[in-house]
Amino acid sequence: MHIIKANAGALTNFEVLEFLKARGASKDSSRVIAPVSQSEYKVYDYLVETPACWQSREQITEFFEKCEPYRLAKAEILNIINIVPYELVELEPLIEQPDQRLGDRVEELLDLVTTVFPRPEKPTPEDGIDEDKEETGNEEQNEDKNETSVETQIDEEGKENENADQEPMEIS
């Protein structure tokens, strides 16, 4: 391997995430045998929780091209790509002097962001994801948590019912 261009510039979170995936980083339990350092795993674990995990190279290229009329600095564009603001209050701090430089076009830029990077749909329980389970990467831990967390309900008489999963008995 040889370096083509040293320090070619700043990377987006998407590019860093792709690099870490190429090196073998994943949420898989076999990740301990991959040639990735602990600090790289921490970065990977962070990035999969950011918009970088659902972005594509095509979206980023399209956004760079469509940002040219706004004359934003590369650092401002990178911040917008990494954070993906959906509200003006999230976008304005990313741009230096947005009112003076862009004026009313700030809302136009926000529309561009939401068009190029639409909000991902949240997975539903039908998609096979159990919203009640915490993702720890260890299924045994999840099962232990479910066994130890006994939900108690208060029945009509005001007594705690620890067997809430059972059907109530009818008293005649």
Protein backbone atom coordinates (compact mmCIF):
# COMPACT_ATOMS: atom_id res chain seq x y z
CA MET A 1 0.00 0.00 0.00
CA HIS A 2 1.27 3.48 -0.80
CA ILE A 3 -0.05 6.95 -0.03
CA ILE A 4 -1.36 8.72 -3.10
CA LYS A 5 -1.94 12.12 -1.55
CA ALA A 6 -0.99 12.75 2.07
CA ASN A 7 -3.46 14.85 4.09
CA ALA A 8 -5.97 15.19 1.25
CA GLY A 9 -8.36 17.03 3.54
CA ALA A 10 -11.08 16.55 6.09
CA LEU A 11 -13.33 13.51 5.89
CA THR A 12 -17.04 13.21 6.48
CA ASN A 13 -18.30 10.86 9.18
CA PHE A 14 -19.60 8.66 6.37
CA GLU A 15 -16.11 8.29 4.90
CA VAL A 16 -14.62 7.45 8.31
CA LEU A 17 -17.38 4.88 8.90
CA GLU A 18 -16.74 3.29 5.49
CA PHE A 19 -13.02 3.12 6.25
CA LEU A 20 -13.64 1.43 9.61
CA LYS A 21 -16.03 -1.06 7.99
CA ALA A 22 -13.39 -1.85 5.38
CA ARG A 23 -10.93 -2.59 8.20
CA GLY A 24 -13.36 -5.04 9.78
CA ALA A 25 -15.18 -2.99 12.40
CA SER A 26 -18.73 -4.13 13.12
CA LYS A 27 -21.22 -4.72 15.90
CA ASP A 28 -20.75 -8.46 15.39
CA SER A 29 -19.54 -10.55 18.32
CA SER A 30 -16.56 -11.70 16.22
CA ARG A 31 -15.18 -8.16 16.19
CA VAL A 32 -12.53 -9.07 18.75
CA ILE A 33 -10.56 -10.93 16.07
CA ALA A 34 -10.62 -8.06 13.55
CA PRO A 35 -7.45 -5.97 13.16
CA VAL A 36 -9.13 -2.87 14.58
CA SER A 37 -7.95 -1.09 17.72
CA GLN A 38 -10.20 -0.43 20.71
CA SER A 39 -10.29 3.31 19.98
CA GLU A 40 -11.39 2.60 16.41
CA TYR A 41 -14.24 0.47 17.77
CA LYS A 42 -15.31 3.34 20.00
CA VAL A 43 -15.37 5.65 16.98
CA TYR A 44 -17.28 3.01 15.01
CA ASP A 45 -19.82 2.54 17.81
CA TYR A 46 -20.38 6.30 17.89
CA LEU A 47 -20.69 6.71 14.11
CA VAL A 48 -23.29 3.98 13.67
CA GLU A 49 -25.57 6.06 15.90
CA THR A 50 -25.20 9.17 13.69
CA PRO A 51 -26.64 10.07 10.27
CA ALA A 52 -23.45 8.64 8.71
CA CYS A 53 -24.87 5.12 9.02
CA TRP A 54 -27.70 5.78 6.54
CA GLN A 55 -25.99 8.21 4.17
CA SER A 56 -24.62 7.24 0.77
CA ARG A 57 -21.71 8.51 -1.29
CA GLU A 58 -24.18 9.66 -3.96
CA GLN A 59 -26.09 11.80 -1.46
CA ILE A 60 -22.89 13.44 -0.24
CA THR A 61 -21.67 14.15 -3.78
CA GLU A 62 -25.09 15.57 -4.71
CA PHE A 63 -25.11 17.80 -1.63
CA PHE A 64 -21.59 19.12 -2.36
CA GLU A 65 -22.65 20.00 -5.91
CA LYS A 66 -25.91 21.66 -4.89
CA CYS A 67 -24.17 23.73 -2.17
CA GLU A 68 -21.97 25.63 -4.66
CA PRO A 69 -24.41 28.57 -5.11
CA TYR A 70 -24.42 29.17 -1.36
CA ARG A 71 -20.63 29.70 -1.28
CA LEU A 72 -20.18 27.80 1.98
CA ALA A 73 -16.78 26.89 3.33
CA LYS A 74 -15.82 23.23 3.06
CA ALA A 75 -15.85 22.94 6.86
CA GLU A 76 -19.42 24.27 6.95
CA ILE A 77 -20.53 21.76 4.32
CA LEU A 78 -18.83 18.92 6.21
CA ASN A 79 -20.57 19.93 9.43
CA ILE A 80 -23.94 20.01 7.69
CA ILE A 81 -23.32 16.56 6.19
CA ASN A 82 -22.17 15.12 9.52
CA ILE A 83 -24.97 16.60 11.62
CA VAL A 84 -27.81 16.73 9.04
CA PRO A 85 -29.86 19.51 10.64
CA TYR A 86 -33.61 19.41 10.04
CA GLU A 87 -34.48 22.68 11.81
CA LEU A 88 -33.20 26.24 11.36
CA VAL A 89 -32.06 26.30 14.96
CA GLU A 90 -29.77 23.35 14.18
CA LEU A 91 -28.49 24.76 10.88
CA GLU A 92 -27.69 28.37 11.77
CA PRO A 93 -24.87 27.62 14.27
CA LEU A 94 -23.08 25.59 11.58
CA ILE A 95 -22.75 28.59 9.26
CA GLU A 96 -20.68 31.64 10.09
CA GLN A 97 -22.85 34.77 9.93
CA PRO A 98 -25.80 33.05 8.22
CA ASP A 99 -28.03 36.14 8.16
CA GLN A 100 -25.39 38.33 6.48
CA ARG A 101 -24.09 35.70 4.05
CA LEU A 102 -27.28 33.89 3.09
CA GLY A 103 -30.16 36.06 4.24
CA ASP A 104 -33.45 34.38 3.34
CA ARG A 105 -31.63 31.60 1.53
CA VAL A 106 -30.95 29.86 4.87
CA GLU A 107 -34.40 28.26 4.64
CA GLU A 108 -33.62 27.30 1.06
CA LEU A 109 -30.46 25.56 2.26
CA LEU A 110 -32.44 23.77 4.96
CA ASP A 111 -34.87 22.53 2.30
CA LEU A 112 -31.88 21.27 0.31
CA VAL A 113 -30.62 19.36 3.36
CA THR A 114 -34.00 17.72 3.96
CA THR A 115 -34.35 16.87 0.26
CA VAL A 116 -30.91 15.30 -0.17
CA PHE A 117 -30.84 13.65 3.29
CA PRO A 118 -34.45 12.68 4.07
CA ARG A 119 -35.13 11.43 7.58
CA PRO A 120 -34.79 7.66 7.74
CA GLU A 121 -37.86 5.71 8.66
CA LYS A 122 -37.74 4.35 12.19
CA PRO A 123 -37.85 0.56 12.32
CA THR A 124 -41.12 -0.85 13.55
CA PRO A 125 -41.68 -3.94 15.70
CA GLU A 126 -42.94 -5.66 12.53
CA ASP A 127 -39.43 -5.30 11.08
CA GLY A 128 -38.17 -7.71 13.73
CA ILE A 129 -36.80 -5.17 16.17
CA ASP A 130 -38.02 -5.42 19.75
CA GLU A 131 -38.23 -1.86 21.07
CA ASP A 132 -38.30 -3.07 24.68
CA LYS A 133 -34.88 -4.74 24.45
CA GLU A 134 -31.76 -2.72 24.93
CA GLU A 135 -29.07 -3.29 22.36
CA THR A 136 -26.03 -4.46 24.26
CA GLY A 137 -24.63 -6.82 21.70
CA ASN A 138 -25.09 -9.71 24.11
CA GLU A 139 -28.38 -11.56 23.89
CA GLU A 140 -27.81 -13.34 27.20
CA GLN A 141 -27.64 -9.99 28.99
CA ASN A 142 -30.91 -8.94 27.33
CA GLU A 143 -32.60 -12.15 28.47
CA ASP A 144 -31.32 -11.66 32.02
CA LYS A 145 -32.67 -8.11 32.08
CA ASN A 146 -36.07 -9.28 30.88
CA GLU A 147 -36.20 -12.00 33.55
CA THR A 148 -35.24 -9.69 36.40
CA SER A 149 -37.52 -6.83 35.46
CA VAL A 150 -40.86 -8.01 36.79
CA GLU A 151 -43.55 -5.53 36.03
CA THR A 152 -46.02 -5.20 38.80
CA GLN A 153 -49.55 -4.09 38.29
CA ILE A 154 -52.06 -2.93 40.80
CA ASP A 155 -55.33 -4.81 40.60
CA GLU A 156 -58.73 -3.36 41.35
CA GLU A 157 -58.35 -3.97 45.09
CA GLY A 158 -55.10 -1.94 45.25
CA LYS A 159 -52.80 -4.93 45.79
CA GLU A 160 -49.66 -5.45 43.76
CA ASN A 161 -49.99 -8.30 41.30
CA GLU A 162 -46.56 -9.69 40.39
CA ASN A 163 -48.09 -12.28 38.07
CA ALA A 164 -49.49 -9.62 35.75
CA ASP A 165 -48.98 -11.82 32.71
CA GLN A 166 -51.53 -14.35 33.98
CA GLU A 167 -55.19 -13.87 33.31
CA PRO A 168 -57.15 -12.54 36.28
CA MET A 169 -59.23 -15.09 38.13
CA GLU A 170 -62.94 -14.55 38.28
CA ILE A 171 -64.41 -14.67 41.75
CA SER A 172 -68.04 -15.71 41.87
